[in-house]
Amino acid sequence: MMRHHTNHHAHHHKNIAPGFALIEACIALAVLASCVIALLYFWRQNSHSEYVTIAQIALSDMSEIVNSNPQAAHENAYLSTGDNNAAFLLAFNPIPNCALGCSKTQLAQTQVQRWQIQLATQLPDGQGLIQNTAQGLRISVLWRTPIIANAPTSRPAECADQDINLECVTLLIPQ
């Protein structure tokens, strides 16, 4: 029996208008760029939340330290301007060994120095301020974060006098 074979080759031709592929590529690139921008925004928000958490824990830690040594707090031994650099603090102002015995003032200064080093190593440009105010002892933690245009920022009123490029959280210990 004889079979008749027909060989049908399916030829598919795209009838694409010139320039259509370029438009498709531009749209795909725009979608990809939008996704990258969204990821960067969410990454920044996530790192900002992490920094706020670190700062709040540091505030809580220093509050407990100050409250545990009221004599030194009363003598203003915990006051700190925040003008610090972790490497400078360690190189030129080594932390004393209070295991051999320190006064309450020396202990307070040691605790502030350790706190400052912790902030400088855990937060970008991290620094701590401890100031006397009419309401009590104000503890502030400041750090620098990348600024994204049109991103909402909120600053406590207590931080209004600080560099606008620094994030800030504060805690007040009433006296």
N, C-alpha and C. Protein backbone atom coordinates (compact mmCIF):
# COMPACT_ATOMS: atom_id res chain seq x y z
N MET A 1 0.83 -1.15 0.00
CA MET A 1 0.00 0.00 0.00
C MET A 1 0.89 1.24 0.00
N MET A 2 0.51 2.09 -0.75
CA MET A 2 1.30 3.28 -0.93
C MET A 2 0.72 4.43 -0.12
N ARG A 3 1.60 4.96 0.64
CA ARG A 3 1.17 6.10 1.44
C ARG A 3 1.68 7.37 0.82
N HIS A 4 0.86 8.30 0.92
CA HIS A 4 1.24 9.61 0.39
C HIS A 4 1.63 10.50 1.56
N HIS A 5 2.86 10.86 1.58
CA HIS A 5 3.35 11.71 2.67
C HIS A 5 3.37 13.15 2.20
N THR A 6 2.78 13.92 3.01
CA THR A 6 2.88 15.36 2.74
C THR A 6 3.69 15.96 3.87
N ASN A 7 4.64 16.62 3.49
CA ASN A 7 5.52 17.24 4.48
C ASN A 7 5.14 18.70 4.63
N HIS A 8 4.44 18.93 5.71
CA HIS A 8 4.02 20.31 5.98
C HIS A 8 4.96 20.91 7.01
N HIS A 9 5.66 21.85 6.60
CA HIS A 9 6.51 22.59 7.55
C HIS A 9 5.75 23.81 7.98
N ALA A 10 5.58 23.89 9.26
CA ALA A 10 4.86 25.06 9.77
C ALA A 10 5.86 26.19 9.90
N HIS A 11 5.67 27.12 9.05
CA HIS A 11 6.52 28.31 9.11
C HIS A 11 5.71 29.41 9.76
N HIS A 12 6.22 29.85 10.90
CA HIS A 12 5.55 30.95 11.60
C HIS A 12 6.38 32.20 11.39
N HIS A 13 5.80 33.10 10.81
CA HIS A 13 6.47 34.38 10.61
C HIS A 13 5.78 35.41 11.46
N LYS A 14 6.58 36.12 12.23
CA LYS A 14 6.02 37.23 13.01
C LYS A 14 6.03 38.45 12.13
N ASN A 15 4.93 39.01 12.07
CA ASN A 15 4.83 40.26 11.33
C ASN A 15 4.87 41.39 12.36
N ILE A 16 6.05 41.74 12.75
CA ILE A 16 6.23 42.77 13.78
C ILE A 16 6.58 44.06 13.08
N ALA A 17 5.88 45.07 13.48
CA ALA A 17 6.18 46.38 12.93
C ALA A 17 7.56 46.80 13.41
N PRO A 18 8.31 47.46 12.57
CA PRO A 18 9.65 47.89 12.99
C PRO A 18 9.57 48.75 14.25
N GLY A 19 10.46 48.48 15.19
CA GLY A 19 10.51 49.26 16.42
C GLY A 19 9.68 48.67 17.55
N PHE A 20 8.82 47.68 17.25
CA PHE A 20 7.97 47.11 18.29
C PHE A 20 8.81 46.36 19.33
N ALA A 21 9.82 45.64 18.90
CA ALA A 21 10.70 44.91 19.83
C ALA A 21 11.44 45.88 20.74
N LEU A 22 11.79 47.02 20.22
CA LEU A 22 12.45 48.04 21.04
C LEU A 22 11.51 48.55 22.11
N ILE A 23 10.26 48.75 21.77
CA ILE A 23 9.27 49.20 22.76
C ILE A 23 9.07 48.14 23.83
N GLU A 24 8.99 46.87 23.41
CA GLU A 24 8.87 45.78 24.39
C GLU A 24 10.06 45.76 25.34
N ALA A 25 11.26 45.93 24.81
CA ALA A 25 12.47 45.94 25.64
C ALA A 25 12.46 47.11 26.61
N CYS A 26 12.02 48.27 26.17
CA CYS A 26 11.95 49.45 27.04
C CYS A 26 10.94 49.24 28.17
N ILE A 27 9.81 48.65 27.85
CA ILE A 27 8.80 48.37 28.88
C ILE A 27 9.34 47.37 29.90
N ALA A 28 9.99 46.33 29.41
CA ALA A 28 10.58 45.33 30.32
C ALA A 28 11.64 45.97 31.22
N LEU A 29 12.44 46.84 30.65
CA LEU A 29 13.47 47.53 31.43
C LEU A 29 12.84 48.44 32.49
N ALA A 30 11.76 49.13 32.14
CA ALA A 30 11.07 50.00 33.09
C ALA A 30 10.48 49.19 34.24
N VAL A 31 9.90 48.04 33.94
CA VAL A 31 9.35 47.16 34.98
C VAL A 31 10.47 46.66 35.89
N LEU A 32 11.57 46.25 35.31
CA LEU A 32 12.71 45.77 36.09
C LEU A 32 13.26 46.88 36.99
N ALA A 33 13.40 48.07 36.45
CA ALA A 33 13.90 49.20 37.24
C ALA A 33 12.95 49.51 38.39
N SER A 34 11.66 49.45 38.14
CA SER A 34 10.67 49.69 39.21
C SER A 34 10.81 48.66 40.32
N CYS A 35 11.03 47.42 39.94
CA CYS A 35 11.21 46.36 40.94
C CYS A 35 12.47 46.60 41.77
N VAL A 36 13.55 46.98 41.14
CA VAL A 36 14.80 47.25 41.85
C VAL A 36 14.61 48.42 42.82
N ILE A 37 13.95 49.48 42.38
CA ILE A 37 13.70 50.63 43.25
C ILE A 37 12.84 50.23 44.45
N ALA A 38 11.81 49.42 44.21
CA ALA A 38 10.96 48.95 45.30
C ALA A 38 11.75 48.12 46.29
N LEU A 39 12.61 47.24 45.80
CA LEU A 39 13.44 46.42 46.69
C LEU A 39 14.37 47.29 47.53
N LEU A 40 14.98 48.29 46.91
CA LEU A 40 15.86 49.19 47.65
C LEU A 40 15.09 49.95 48.72
N TYR A 41 13.89 50.39 48.39
CA TYR A 41 13.07 51.12 49.36
C TYR A 41 12.74 50.22 50.55
N PHE A 42 12.31 48.98 50.28
CA PHE A 42 11.97 48.07 51.37
C PHE A 42 13.21 47.68 52.16
N TRP A 43 14.35 47.53 51.51
CA TRP A 43 15.59 47.25 52.24
C TRP A 43 15.93 48.39 53.18
N ARG A 44 15.77 49.64 52.70
CA ARG A 44 16.05 50.80 53.54
C ARG A 44 15.09 50.84 54.73
N GLN A 45 13.82 50.58 54.49
CA GLN A 45 12.85 50.58 55.58
C GLN A 45 13.20 49.51 56.61
N ASN A 46 13.64 48.34 56.13
CA ASN A 46 14.00 47.26 57.03
C ASN A 46 15.23 47.62 57.84
N SER A 47 16.26 48.20 57.21
CA SER A 47 17.45 48.57 57.96
C SER A 47 17.15 49.72 58.91
N HIS A 48 16.25 50.62 58.52
CA HIS A 48 15.85 51.71 59.42
C HIS A 48 15.18 51.13 60.67
N SER A 49 14.31 50.16 60.50
CA SER A 49 13.65 49.52 61.64
C SER A 49 14.67 48.84 62.54
N GLU A 50 15.67 48.21 61.93
CA GLU A 50 16.72 47.56 62.71
C GLU A 50 17.50 48.60 63.52
N TYR A 51 17.83 49.71 62.90
CA TYR A 51 18.56 50.77 63.61
C TYR A 51 17.74 51.35 64.75
N VAL A 52 16.45 51.56 64.52
CA VAL A 52 15.58 52.09 65.58
C VAL A 52 15.54 51.11 66.75
N THR A 53 15.46 49.82 66.46
CA THR A 53 15.45 48.81 67.52
C THR A 53 16.75 48.82 68.31
N ILE A 54 17.88 48.89 67.62
CA ILE A 54 19.18 48.95 68.30
C ILE A 54 19.24 50.19 69.18
N ALA A 55 18.78 51.34 68.66
CA ALA A 55 18.81 52.59 69.42
C ALA A 55 17.91 52.51 70.65
N GLN A 56 16.73 51.93 70.51
CA GLN A 56 15.82 51.83 71.65
C GLN A 56 16.37 50.90 72.73
N ILE A 57 17.01 49.83 72.32
CA ILE A 57 17.64 48.93 73.29
C ILE A 57 18.77 49.66 74.01
N ALA A 58 19.56 50.43 73.25
CA ALA A 58 20.66 51.19 73.87
C ALA A 58 20.12 52.22 74.85
N LEU A 59 19.02 52.87 74.51
CA LEU A 59 18.39 53.83 75.44
C LEU A 59 17.97 53.13 76.72
N SER A 60 17.32 52.00 76.56
CA SER A 60 16.86 51.24 77.72
C SER A 60 18.03 50.79 78.59
N ASP A 61 19.09 50.30 77.95
CA ASP A 61 20.28 49.87 78.70
C ASP A 61 20.87 51.02 79.51
N MET A 62 21.04 52.20 78.87
CA MET A 62 21.64 53.32 79.57
C MET A 62 20.71 53.82 80.68
N SER A 63 19.42 53.78 80.46
CA SER A 63 18.47 54.18 81.50
C SER A 63 18.62 53.30 82.74
N GLU A 64 18.74 51.99 82.52
CA GLU A 64 18.93 51.07 83.65
C GLU A 64 20.26 51.34 84.36
N ILE A 65 21.29 51.61 83.59
CA ILE A 65 22.61 51.90 84.17
C ILE A 65 22.55 53.15 85.04
N VAL A 66 21.94 54.21 84.50
CA VAL A 66 21.84 55.48 85.24
C VAL A 66 21.02 55.28 86.52
N ASN A 67 19.91 54.57 86.39
CA ASN A 67 19.05 54.35 87.56
C ASN A 67 19.72 53.47 88.62
N SER A 68 20.69 52.65 88.21
CA SER A 68 21.38 51.79 89.18
C SER A 68 22.49 52.52 89.94
N ASN A 69 22.83 53.73 89.50
CA ASN A 69 23.90 54.50 90.14
C ASN A 69 23.43 55.95 90.33
N PRO A 70 22.42 56.16 91.20
CA PRO A 70 21.84 57.50 91.34
C PRO A 70 22.82 58.55 91.85
N GLN A 71 23.80 58.13 92.65
CA GLN A 71 24.77 59.10 93.16
C GLN A 71 25.57 59.72 92.01
N ALA A 72 26.06 58.89 91.11
CA ALA A 72 26.82 59.39 89.95
C ALA A 72 25.92 60.23 89.04
N ALA A 73 24.66 59.82 88.90
CA ALA A 73 23.73 60.59 88.08
C ALA A 73 23.52 61.97 88.69
N HIS A 74 23.40 62.02 90.00
CA HIS A 74 23.21 63.30 90.70
C HIS A 74 24.45 64.19 90.55
N GLU A 75 25.62 63.58 90.45
CA GLU A 75 26.88 64.32 90.28
C GLU A 75 27.19 64.61 88.81
N ASN A 76 26.24 64.33 87.92
CA ASN A 76 26.38 64.56 86.48
C ASN A 76 27.51 63.76 85.83
N ALA A 77 27.84 62.63 86.41
CA ALA A 77 28.93 61.80 85.87
C ALA A 77 28.55 61.12 84.56
N TYR A 78 27.26 61.06 84.26
CA TYR A 78 26.83 60.38 83.04
C TYR A 78 26.70 61.32 81.84
N LEU A 79 26.88 62.60 82.04
CA LEU A 79 26.71 63.55 80.94
C LEU A 79 27.69 63.24 79.83
N SER A 80 27.19 63.32 78.59
CA SER A 80 28.01 63.01 77.42
C SER A 80 27.55 63.87 76.26
N THR A 81 28.50 64.48 75.57
CA THR A 81 28.16 65.37 74.46
C THR A 81 27.96 64.62 73.16
N GLY A 82 28.39 63.38 73.09
CA GLY A 82 28.25 62.63 71.85
C GLY A 82 29.39 62.87 70.88
N ASP A 83 30.32 63.75 71.22
CA ASP A 83 31.48 63.99 70.36
C ASP A 83 32.47 62.86 70.58
N ASN A 84 32.29 61.80 69.82
CA ASN A 84 33.15 60.64 70.04
C ASN A 84 33.42 59.90 68.76
N ASN A 85 34.40 59.08 68.84
CA ASN A 85 34.77 58.18 67.76
C ASN A 85 35.28 56.93 68.47
N ALA A 86 34.73 55.77 68.13
CA ALA A 86 35.07 54.55 68.86
C ALA A 86 36.57 54.27 68.86
N ALA A 87 37.23 54.44 67.71
CA ALA A 87 38.67 54.18 67.65
C ALA A 87 39.43 55.17 68.53
N PHE A 88 39.01 56.43 68.51
CA PHE A 88 39.66 57.45 69.34
C PHE A 88 39.47 57.13 70.82
N LEU A 89 38.23 56.76 71.18
CA LEU A 89 37.96 56.45 72.59
C LEU A 89 38.84 55.31 73.08
N LEU A 90 38.98 54.29 72.27
CA LEU A 90 39.79 53.14 72.69
C LEU A 90 41.28 53.45 72.71
N ALA A 91 41.74 54.24 71.74
CA ALA A 91 43.17 54.51 71.64
C ALA A 91 43.65 55.51 72.69
N PHE A 92 42.88 56.56 72.90
CA PHE A 92 43.37 57.64 73.76
C PHE A 92 42.69 57.72 75.11
N ASN A 93 41.69 56.90 75.32
CA ASN A 93 40.99 56.93 76.59
C ASN A 93 40.59 55.51 76.94
N PRO A 94 41.57 54.66 77.25
CA PRO A 94 41.26 53.25 77.47
C PRO A 94 40.27 53.08 78.63
N ILE A 95 39.46 52.05 78.50
CA ILE A 95 38.46 51.78 79.53
C ILE A 95 39.17 51.25 80.77
N PRO A 96 38.96 51.92 81.91
CA PRO A 96 39.61 51.44 83.13
C PRO A 96 39.03 50.11 83.59
N ASN A 97 39.83 49.37 84.31
CA ASN A 97 39.39 48.09 84.85
C ASN A 97 38.79 48.34 86.23
N CYS A 98 37.46 48.39 86.28
CA CYS A 98 36.79 48.67 87.54
C CYS A 98 36.71 47.44 88.44
N ALA A 99 37.21 46.31 87.97
CA ALA A 99 37.22 45.11 88.82
C ALA A 99 38.14 45.33 90.01
N LEU A 100 39.13 46.19 89.82
CA LEU A 100 40.06 46.49 90.92
C LEU A 100 39.54 47.59 91.83
N GLY A 101 38.42 48.15 91.46
CA GLY A 101 37.79 49.17 92.29
C GLY A 101 37.77 50.52 91.60
N CYS A 102 36.60 51.11 91.50
CA CYS A 102 36.40 52.42 90.92
C CYS A 102 35.43 53.18 91.80
N SER A 103 35.53 54.49 91.76
CA SER A 103 34.51 55.29 92.42
C SER A 103 33.23 55.21 91.59
N LYS A 104 32.13 55.66 92.15
CA LYS A 104 30.86 55.65 91.41
C LYS A 104 30.95 56.55 90.17
N THR A 105 31.70 57.63 90.27
CA THR A 105 31.89 58.53 89.13
C THR A 105 32.71 57.85 88.04
N GLN A 106 33.81 57.19 88.42
CA GLN A 106 34.63 56.47 87.44
C GLN A 106 33.83 55.36 86.78
N LEU A 107 33.02 54.66 87.58
CA LEU A 107 32.20 53.60 87.03
C LEU A 107 31.22 54.17 86.00
N ALA A 108 30.60 55.32 86.31
CA ALA A 108 29.66 55.96 85.39
C ALA A 108 30.36 56.35 84.10
N GLN A 109 31.53 56.95 84.20
CA GLN A 109 32.26 57.36 83.01
C GLN A 109 32.68 56.16 82.16
N THR A 110 33.03 55.08 82.81
CA THR A 110 33.37 53.84 82.11
C THR A 110 32.15 53.29 81.38
N GLN A 111 31.01 53.31 82.05
CA GLN A 111 29.79 52.80 81.42
C GLN A 111 29.38 53.65 80.22
N VAL A 112 29.52 54.96 80.33
CA VAL A 112 29.19 55.85 79.21
C VAL A 112 30.14 55.58 78.04
N GLN A 113 31.42 55.40 78.34
CA GLN A 113 32.39 55.15 77.28
C GLN A 113 32.08 53.83 76.56
N ARG A 114 31.75 52.81 77.30
CA ARG A 114 31.40 51.52 76.68
C ARG A 114 30.12 51.66 75.83
N TRP A 115 29.18 52.43 76.34
CA TRP A 115 27.92 52.67 75.62
C TRP A 115 28.20 53.41 74.31
N GLN A 116 29.08 54.42 74.38
CA GLN A 116 29.43 55.18 73.17
C GLN A 116 30.10 54.27 72.13
N ILE A 117 30.98 53.41 72.58
CA ILE A 117 31.66 52.48 71.67
C ILE A 117 30.64 51.52 71.05
N GLN A 118 29.72 51.03 71.85
CA GLN A 118 28.67 50.15 71.35
C GLN A 118 27.85 50.86 70.26
N LEU A 119 27.46 52.11 70.51
CA LEU A 119 26.67 52.85 69.52
C LEU A 119 27.48 53.09 68.24
N ALA A 120 28.74 53.44 68.40
CA ALA A 120 29.59 53.73 67.24
C ALA A 120 29.82 52.49 66.38
N THR A 121 29.79 51.31 67.00
CA THR A 121 30.04 50.09 66.23
C THR A 121 28.76 49.44 65.71
N GLN A 122 27.61 49.74 66.31
CA GLN A 122 26.36 49.10 65.89
C GLN A 122 25.49 49.96 64.98
N LEU A 123 25.73 51.26 64.97
CA LEU A 123 24.93 52.18 64.16
C LEU A 123 25.85 53.01 63.27
N PRO A 124 25.43 53.33 62.05
CA PRO A 124 26.27 54.18 61.21
C PRO A 124 26.39 55.59 61.80
N ASP A 125 27.60 56.00 62.10
CA ASP A 125 27.87 57.27 62.78
C ASP A 125 27.09 57.37 64.08
N GLY A 126 26.93 56.24 64.76
CA GLY A 126 26.15 56.21 66.01
C GLY A 126 26.83 56.97 67.13
N GLN A 127 26.03 57.68 67.88
CA GLN A 127 26.53 58.44 69.02
C GLN A 127 25.43 58.61 70.04
N GLY A 128 25.82 58.82 71.26
CA GLY A 128 24.86 59.01 72.33
C GLY A 128 25.07 60.35 73.02
N LEU A 129 23.98 60.96 73.41
CA LEU A 129 24.01 62.21 74.16
C LEU A 129 23.30 61.98 75.48
N ILE A 130 23.87 62.48 76.53
CA ILE A 130 23.19 62.46 77.83
C ILE A 130 23.30 63.87 78.36
N GLN A 131 22.13 64.50 78.53
CA GLN A 131 22.09 65.92 78.88
C GLN A 131 21.16 66.15 80.07
N ASN A 132 21.52 67.14 80.86
CA ASN A 132 20.64 67.59 81.93
C ASN A 132 19.66 68.59 81.36
N THR A 133 18.38 68.41 81.64
CA THR A 133 17.36 69.37 81.24
C THR A 133 16.55 69.73 82.48
N ALA A 134 15.67 70.70 82.35
CA ALA A 134 14.81 71.09 83.47
C ALA A 134 13.89 69.95 83.87
N GLN A 135 13.54 69.08 82.92
CA GLN A 135 12.63 67.96 83.21
C GLN A 135 13.35 66.72 83.75
N GLY A 136 14.64 66.63 83.51
CA GLY A 136 15.39 65.46 83.96
C GLY A 136 16.56 65.18 83.06
N LEU A 137 17.04 63.97 83.14
CA LEU A 137 18.18 63.55 82.33
C LEU A 137 17.66 63.03 80.99
N ARG A 138 18.08 63.66 79.90
CA ARG A 138 17.63 63.25 78.56
C ARG A 138 18.74 62.43 77.90
N ILE A 139 18.38 61.22 77.51
CA ILE A 139 19.31 60.32 76.81
C ILE A 139 18.86 60.27 75.36
N SER A 140 19.78 60.50 74.45
CA SER A 140 19.47 60.48 73.01
C SER A 140 20.47 59.58 72.30
N VAL A 141 19.98 58.87 71.30
CA VAL A 141 20.83 58.09 70.41
C VAL A 141 20.61 58.63 69.01
N LEU A 142 21.72 58.94 68.33
CA LEU A 142 21.65 59.49 66.97
C LEU A 142 22.47 58.61 66.04
N TRP A 143 22.03 58.54 64.79
CA TRP A 143 22.78 57.79 63.77
C TRP A 143 22.40 58.34 62.40
N ARG A 144 23.23 58.05 61.44
CA ARG A 144 23.03 58.53 60.07
C ARG A 144 22.49 57.38 59.21
N THR A 145 21.45 57.67 58.46
CA THR A 145 20.94 56.69 57.51
C THR A 145 20.87 57.33 56.14
N PRO A 146 20.94 56.51 55.08
CA PRO A 146 20.82 57.08 53.74
C PRO A 146 19.45 57.73 53.58
N ILE A 147 19.42 58.86 52.94
CA ILE A 147 18.17 59.57 52.75
C ILE A 147 17.67 59.29 51.34
N ILE A 148 16.43 58.87 51.24
CA ILE A 148 15.80 58.63 49.95
C ILE A 148 14.85 59.79 49.71
N ALA A 149 14.91 60.37 48.54
CA ALA A 149 14.09 61.54 48.23
C ALA A 149 12.62 61.25 48.50
N ASN A 150 11.95 62.20 49.09
CA ASN A 150 10.52 62.16 49.38
C ASN A 150 10.13 61.08 50.39
N ALA A 151 11.10 60.47 51.06
CA ALA A 151 10.76 59.48 52.08
C ALA A 151 10.32 60.22 53.34
N PRO A 152 9.24 59.78 53.98
CA PRO A 152 8.78 60.48 55.18
C PRO A 152 9.77 60.30 56.32
N THR A 153 10.04 61.35 57.03
CA THR A 153 10.90 61.27 58.19
C THR A 153 10.18 61.91 59.36
N SER A 154 10.39 61.37 60.52
CA SER A 154 9.80 61.98 61.71
C SER A 154 10.92 62.10 62.74
N ARG A 155 10.96 63.23 63.39
CA ARG A 155 11.99 63.49 64.39
C ARG A 155 11.33 63.97 65.66
N PRO A 156 11.73 63.42 66.79
CA PRO A 156 11.20 63.93 68.04
C PRO A 156 11.61 65.40 68.21
N ALA A 157 10.77 66.16 68.88
CA ALA A 157 11.08 67.57 69.12
C ALA A 157 12.40 67.73 69.86
N GLU A 158 12.74 66.76 70.70
CA GLU A 158 13.99 66.83 71.46
C GLU A 158 15.22 66.78 70.56
N CYS A 159 15.06 66.30 69.33
CA CYS A 159 16.18 66.16 68.41
C CYS A 159 16.24 67.29 67.39
N ALA A 160 15.37 68.26 67.54
CA ALA A 160 15.29 69.34 66.54
C ALA A 160 16.59 70.11 66.41
N ASP A 161 17.36 70.19 67.49
CA ASP A 161 18.60 70.96 67.43
C ASP A 161 19.77 70.15 66.87
N GLN A 162 19.54 68.91 66.47
CA GLN A 162 20.60 68.06 65.93
C GLN A 162 20.63 68.14 64.40
N ASP A 163 21.71 67.66 63.84
CA ASP A 163 21.89 67.60 62.39
C ASP A 163 20.67 66.94 61.74
N ILE A 164 20.10 67.58 60.75
CA ILE A 164 18.89 67.09 60.09
C ILE A 164 19.11 65.74 59.41
N ASN A 165 20.35 65.40 59.08
CA ASN A 165 20.65 64.12 58.42
C ASN A 165 20.81 62.97 59.41
N LEU A 166 20.64 63.25 60.69
CA LEU A 166 20.75 62.21 61.70
C LEU A 166 19.37 61.79 62.18
N GLU A 167 19.19 60.50 62.33
CA GLU A 167 17.99 59.97 62.97
C GLU A 167 18.21 60.07 64.46
N CYS A 168 17.13 60.12 65.22
CA CYS A 168 17.27 60.34 66.65
C CYS A 168 16.12 59.70 67.43
N VAL A 169 16.44 59.05 68.53
CA VAL A 169 15.43 58.61 69.48
C VAL A 169 15.88 59.07 70.86
N THR A 170 14.94 59.41 71.72
CA THR A 170 15.29 59.94 73.04
C THR A 170 14.46 59.27 74.13
N LEU A 171 14.98 59.44 75.34
CA LEU A 171 14.31 58.94 76.54
C LEU A 171 14.59 59.94 77.64
N LEU A 172 13.59 60.25 78.43
CA LEU A 172 13.75 61.21 79.52
C LEU A 172 13.62 60.47 80.84
N ILE A 173 14.62 60.66 81.71
CA ILE A 173 14.56 60.11 83.06
C ILE A 173 14.22 61.28 83.98
N PRO A 174 12.99 61.34 84.48
CA PRO A 174 12.61 62.48 85.34
C PRO A 174 13.45 62.52 86.61
N GLN A 175 13.74 63.75 87.06
CA GLN A 175 14.53 63.87 88.31
C GLN A 175 13.67 64.41 89.41
